[in-house]
Amino acid sequence: MSVAELKNDLHRMVVETNDPDILAQIAALSASLRGEEDWWDALSEEEKEQIERGLADVEAGRTVPYAEVEDKLRSVLGKL
């Protein structure tokens, strides 16, 4: 895909959405990638708290191996 095609696709996606959350996330990502803003600053307080809780879980060893999650998903989705 050429740069022009990629720009056109991105422009189309932005123009076609009316979801303010998606547009805000796109703007924050763009600013972060250009070094204008740290992505952390663009997160809501709730999102920051969720990340902090997740990091605390990891530090406390409250994690589940990916293979175990994958097996559980297969067993649940296989029943549909």
N, C-alpha and C. Protein backbone atom coordinates (compact mmCIF):
# COMPACT_ATOMS: atom_id res chain seq x y z
N MET A 1 0.85 -1.18 0.00
CA MET A 1 0.00 0.00 0.00
C MET A 1 0.89 1.24 0.00
N SER A 2 0.60 2.15 -0.87
CA SER A 2 1.40 3.37 -0.96
C SER A 2 1.03 4.33 0.17
N VAL A 3 1.88 5.32 0.37
CA VAL A 3 1.62 6.33 1.39
C VAL A 3 0.32 7.07 1.07
N ALA A 4 0.10 7.37 -0.18
CA ALA A 4 -1.12 8.08 -0.57
C ALA A 4 -2.36 7.25 -0.28
N GLU A 5 -2.28 5.95 -0.57
CA GLU A 5 -3.42 5.07 -0.28
C GLU A 5 -3.68 4.96 1.21
N LEU A 6 -2.61 4.87 1.98
CA LEU A 6 -2.75 4.79 3.43
C LEU A 6 -3.37 6.06 3.98
N LYS A 7 -2.92 7.21 3.51
CA LYS A 7 -3.50 8.48 3.94
C LYS A 7 -4.98 8.55 3.60
N ASN A 8 -5.32 8.13 2.39
CA ASN A 8 -6.73 8.15 1.98
C ASN A 8 -7.58 7.24 2.86
N ASP A 9 -7.06 6.04 3.17
CA ASP A 9 -7.80 5.11 4.03
C ASP A 9 -7.99 5.69 5.42
N LEU A 10 -6.94 6.27 5.98
CA LEU A 10 -7.04 6.87 7.31
C LEU A 10 -8.02 8.04 7.31
N HIS A 11 -7.94 8.86 6.29
CA HIS A 11 -8.86 10.00 6.17
C HIS A 11 -10.30 9.52 6.10
N ARG A 12 -10.54 8.50 5.30
CA ARG A 12 -11.89 7.95 5.16
C ARG A 12 -12.41 7.44 6.50
N MET A 13 -11.55 6.71 7.23
CA MET A 13 -11.97 6.17 8.53
C MET A 13 -12.34 7.28 9.50
N VAL A 14 -11.55 8.33 9.53
CA VAL A 14 -11.83 9.45 10.43
C VAL A 14 -13.12 10.15 10.03
N VAL A 15 -13.29 10.39 8.75
CA VAL A 15 -14.49 11.09 8.27
C VAL A 15 -15.75 10.28 8.52
N GLU A 16 -15.65 8.96 8.44
CA GLU A 16 -16.84 8.12 8.56
C GLU A 16 -17.27 7.85 9.99
N THR A 17 -16.45 8.19 10.99
CA THR A 17 -16.87 7.95 12.37
C THR A 17 -17.37 9.23 13.02
N ASN A 18 -18.39 9.07 13.83
CA ASN A 18 -18.91 10.18 14.62
C ASN A 18 -18.71 9.92 16.11
N ASP A 19 -17.94 8.88 16.42
CA ASP A 19 -17.71 8.52 17.82
C ASP A 19 -16.61 9.42 18.39
N PRO A 20 -16.96 10.30 19.32
CA PRO A 20 -15.96 11.23 19.86
C PRO A 20 -14.83 10.53 20.60
N ASP A 21 -15.11 9.36 21.20
CA ASP A 21 -14.05 8.62 21.91
C ASP A 21 -13.00 8.11 20.93
N ILE A 22 -13.46 7.57 19.81
CA ILE A 22 -12.52 7.08 18.80
C ILE A 22 -11.70 8.23 18.23
N LEU A 23 -12.35 9.32 17.94
CA LEU A 23 -11.63 10.47 17.39
C LEU A 23 -10.62 11.02 18.38
N ALA A 24 -10.97 11.05 19.66
CA ALA A 24 -10.04 11.53 20.69
C ALA A 24 -8.84 10.60 20.80
N GLN A 25 -9.08 9.29 20.70
CA GLN A 25 -7.99 8.34 20.76
C GLN A 25 -7.07 8.47 19.56
N ILE A 26 -7.63 8.68 18.39
CA ILE A 26 -6.82 8.87 17.19
C ILE A 26 -5.97 10.13 17.33
N ALA A 27 -6.58 11.20 17.81
CA ALA A 27 -5.84 12.45 17.99
C ALA A 27 -4.71 12.28 19.01
N ALA A 28 -4.99 11.59 20.11
CA ALA A 28 -3.98 11.38 21.15
C ALA A 28 -2.84 10.51 20.62
N LEU A 29 -3.17 9.46 19.88
CA LEU A 29 -2.13 8.59 19.31
C LEU A 29 -1.26 9.37 18.34
N SER A 30 -1.90 10.16 17.50
CA SER A 30 -1.14 10.95 16.53
C SER A 30 -0.20 11.93 17.23
N ALA A 31 -0.70 12.61 18.26
CA ALA A 31 0.14 13.56 19.00
C ALA A 31 1.29 12.84 19.69
N SER A 32 1.01 11.67 20.25
CA SER A 32 2.04 10.90 20.94
C SER A 32 3.13 10.44 19.96
N LEU A 33 2.72 9.95 18.80
CA LEU A 33 3.68 9.48 17.81
C LEU A 33 4.56 10.61 17.28
N ARG A 34 4.01 11.81 17.24
CA ARG A 34 4.79 12.97 16.80
C ARG A 34 5.60 13.59 17.93
N GLY A 35 5.48 13.02 19.14
CA GLY A 35 6.24 13.53 20.28
C GLY A 35 5.64 14.77 20.91
N GLU A 36 4.40 15.07 20.58
CA GLU A 36 3.76 16.27 21.10
C GLU A 36 3.09 16.03 22.46
N GLU A 37 2.77 14.78 22.73
CA GLU A 37 2.06 14.45 23.96
C GLU A 37 2.38 13.02 24.35
N ASP A 38 2.49 12.79 25.65
CA ASP A 38 2.69 11.44 26.15
C ASP A 38 1.34 10.74 26.15
N TRP A 39 1.29 9.50 25.66
CA TRP A 39 0.03 8.77 25.56
C TRP A 39 -0.64 8.62 26.92
N TRP A 40 0.15 8.54 27.99
CA TRP A 40 -0.41 8.39 29.33
C TRP A 40 -1.31 9.58 29.67
N ASP A 41 -0.90 10.77 29.24
CA ASP A 41 -1.67 11.98 29.55
C ASP A 41 -3.03 11.99 28.85
N ALA A 42 -3.17 11.23 27.79
CA ALA A 42 -4.42 11.20 27.04
C ALA A 42 -5.43 10.22 27.63
N LEU A 43 -4.99 9.38 28.58
CA LEU A 43 -5.88 8.40 29.17
C LEU A 43 -6.80 9.05 30.21
N SER A 44 -7.98 8.46 30.36
CA SER A 44 -8.88 8.92 31.42
C SER A 44 -8.35 8.43 32.76
N GLU A 45 -8.85 9.01 33.84
CA GLU A 45 -8.44 8.57 35.17
C GLU A 45 -8.81 7.10 35.39
N GLU A 46 -9.97 6.70 34.89
CA GLU A 46 -10.41 5.31 35.02
C GLU A 46 -9.44 4.36 34.31
N GLU A 47 -9.01 4.73 33.10
CA GLU A 47 -8.07 3.90 32.35
C GLU A 47 -6.73 3.80 33.08
N LYS A 48 -6.28 4.92 33.64
CA LYS A 48 -5.02 4.92 34.39
C LYS A 48 -5.13 4.02 35.61
N GLU A 49 -6.26 4.09 36.32
CA GLU A 49 -6.46 3.25 37.50
C GLU A 49 -6.48 1.77 37.13
N GLN A 50 -7.11 1.43 36.00
CA GLN A 50 -7.16 0.04 35.56
C GLN A 50 -5.76 -0.47 35.24
N ILE A 51 -4.96 0.34 34.60
CA ILE A 51 -3.59 -0.05 34.28
C ILE A 51 -2.79 -0.25 35.56
N GLU A 52 -2.93 0.69 36.50
CA GLU A 52 -2.21 0.59 37.77
C GLU A 52 -2.62 -0.68 38.53
N ARG A 53 -3.91 -1.02 38.52
CA ARG A 53 -4.37 -2.25 39.17
C ARG A 53 -3.76 -3.47 38.49
N GLY A 54 -3.70 -3.45 37.17
CA GLY A 54 -3.11 -4.55 36.43
C GLY A 54 -1.63 -4.72 36.76
N LEU A 55 -0.91 -3.62 36.84
CA LEU A 55 0.51 -3.68 37.18
C LEU A 55 0.71 -4.22 38.60
N ALA A 56 -0.17 -3.81 39.53
CA ALA A 56 -0.09 -4.31 40.90
C ALA A 56 -0.37 -5.81 40.92
N ASP A 57 -1.32 -6.26 40.10
CA ASP A 57 -1.60 -7.70 40.01
C ASP A 57 -0.38 -8.47 39.54
N VAL A 58 0.30 -7.95 38.53
CA VAL A 58 1.50 -8.60 38.00
C VAL A 58 2.57 -8.67 39.09
N GLU A 59 2.80 -7.57 39.77
CA GLU A 59 3.82 -7.54 40.82
C GLU A 59 3.49 -8.51 41.95
N ALA A 60 2.20 -8.71 42.24
CA ALA A 60 1.78 -9.61 43.32
C ALA A 60 1.66 -11.06 42.84
N GLY A 61 1.94 -11.29 41.56
CA GLY A 61 1.88 -12.65 41.04
C GLY A 61 0.47 -13.13 40.71
N ARG A 62 -0.48 -12.22 40.65
CA ARG A 62 -1.86 -12.58 40.33
C ARG A 62 -2.05 -12.54 38.80
N THR A 63 -1.46 -13.53 38.13
CA THR A 63 -1.55 -13.61 36.68
C THR A 63 -1.98 -15.01 36.27
N VAL A 64 -2.39 -15.14 35.03
CA VAL A 64 -2.79 -16.43 34.46
C VAL A 64 -1.99 -16.61 33.17
N PRO A 65 -1.33 -17.75 33.01
CA PRO A 65 -0.57 -17.97 31.78
C PRO A 65 -1.48 -17.91 30.54
N TYR A 66 -0.92 -17.39 29.47
CA TYR A 66 -1.68 -17.24 28.23
C TYR A 66 -2.27 -18.56 27.75
N ALA A 67 -1.49 -19.63 27.86
CA ALA A 67 -1.97 -20.94 27.40
C ALA A 67 -3.22 -21.37 28.16
N GLU A 68 -3.28 -21.05 29.44
CA GLU A 68 -4.45 -21.40 30.24
C GLU A 68 -5.68 -20.59 29.79
N VAL A 69 -5.49 -19.33 29.52
CA VAL A 69 -6.59 -18.49 29.03
C VAL A 69 -7.05 -19.00 27.67
N GLU A 70 -6.11 -19.33 26.83
CA GLU A 70 -6.43 -19.84 25.50
C GLU A 70 -7.24 -21.13 25.58
N ASP A 71 -6.84 -22.03 26.46
CA ASP A 71 -7.58 -23.29 26.64
C ASP A 71 -9.00 -23.04 27.12
N LYS A 72 -9.13 -22.12 28.06
CA LYS A 72 -10.47 -21.81 28.60
C LYS A 72 -11.35 -21.21 27.50
N LEU A 73 -10.80 -20.32 26.71
CA LEU A 73 -11.57 -19.72 25.62
C LEU A 73 -12.02 -20.78 24.62
N ARG A 74 -11.12 -21.69 24.30
CA ARG A 74 -11.49 -22.76 23.36
C ARG A 74 -12.63 -23.60 23.92
N SER A 75 -12.59 -23.89 25.22
CA SER A 75 -13.66 -24.72 25.80
C SER A 75 -14.97 -23.96 25.83
N VAL A 76 -14.94 -22.66 26.08
CA VAL A 76 -16.17 -21.86 26.12
C VAL A 76 -16.70 -21.63 24.70
N LEU A 77 -15.83 -21.25 23.79
CA LEU A 77 -16.28 -20.98 22.42
C LEU A 77 -16.68 -22.25 21.70
N GLY A 78 -16.10 -23.35 22.08
CA GLY A 78 -16.46 -24.62 21.46
C GLY A 78 -17.87 -25.05 21.80
N LYS A 79 -18.43 -24.50 22.86
CA LYS A 79 -19.78 -24.86 23.31
C LYS A 79 -20.86 -24.01 22.65
N LEU A 80 -20.47 -23.02 21.91
CA LEU A 80 -21.46 -22.13 21.27
C LEU A 80 -22.17 -22.79 20.13
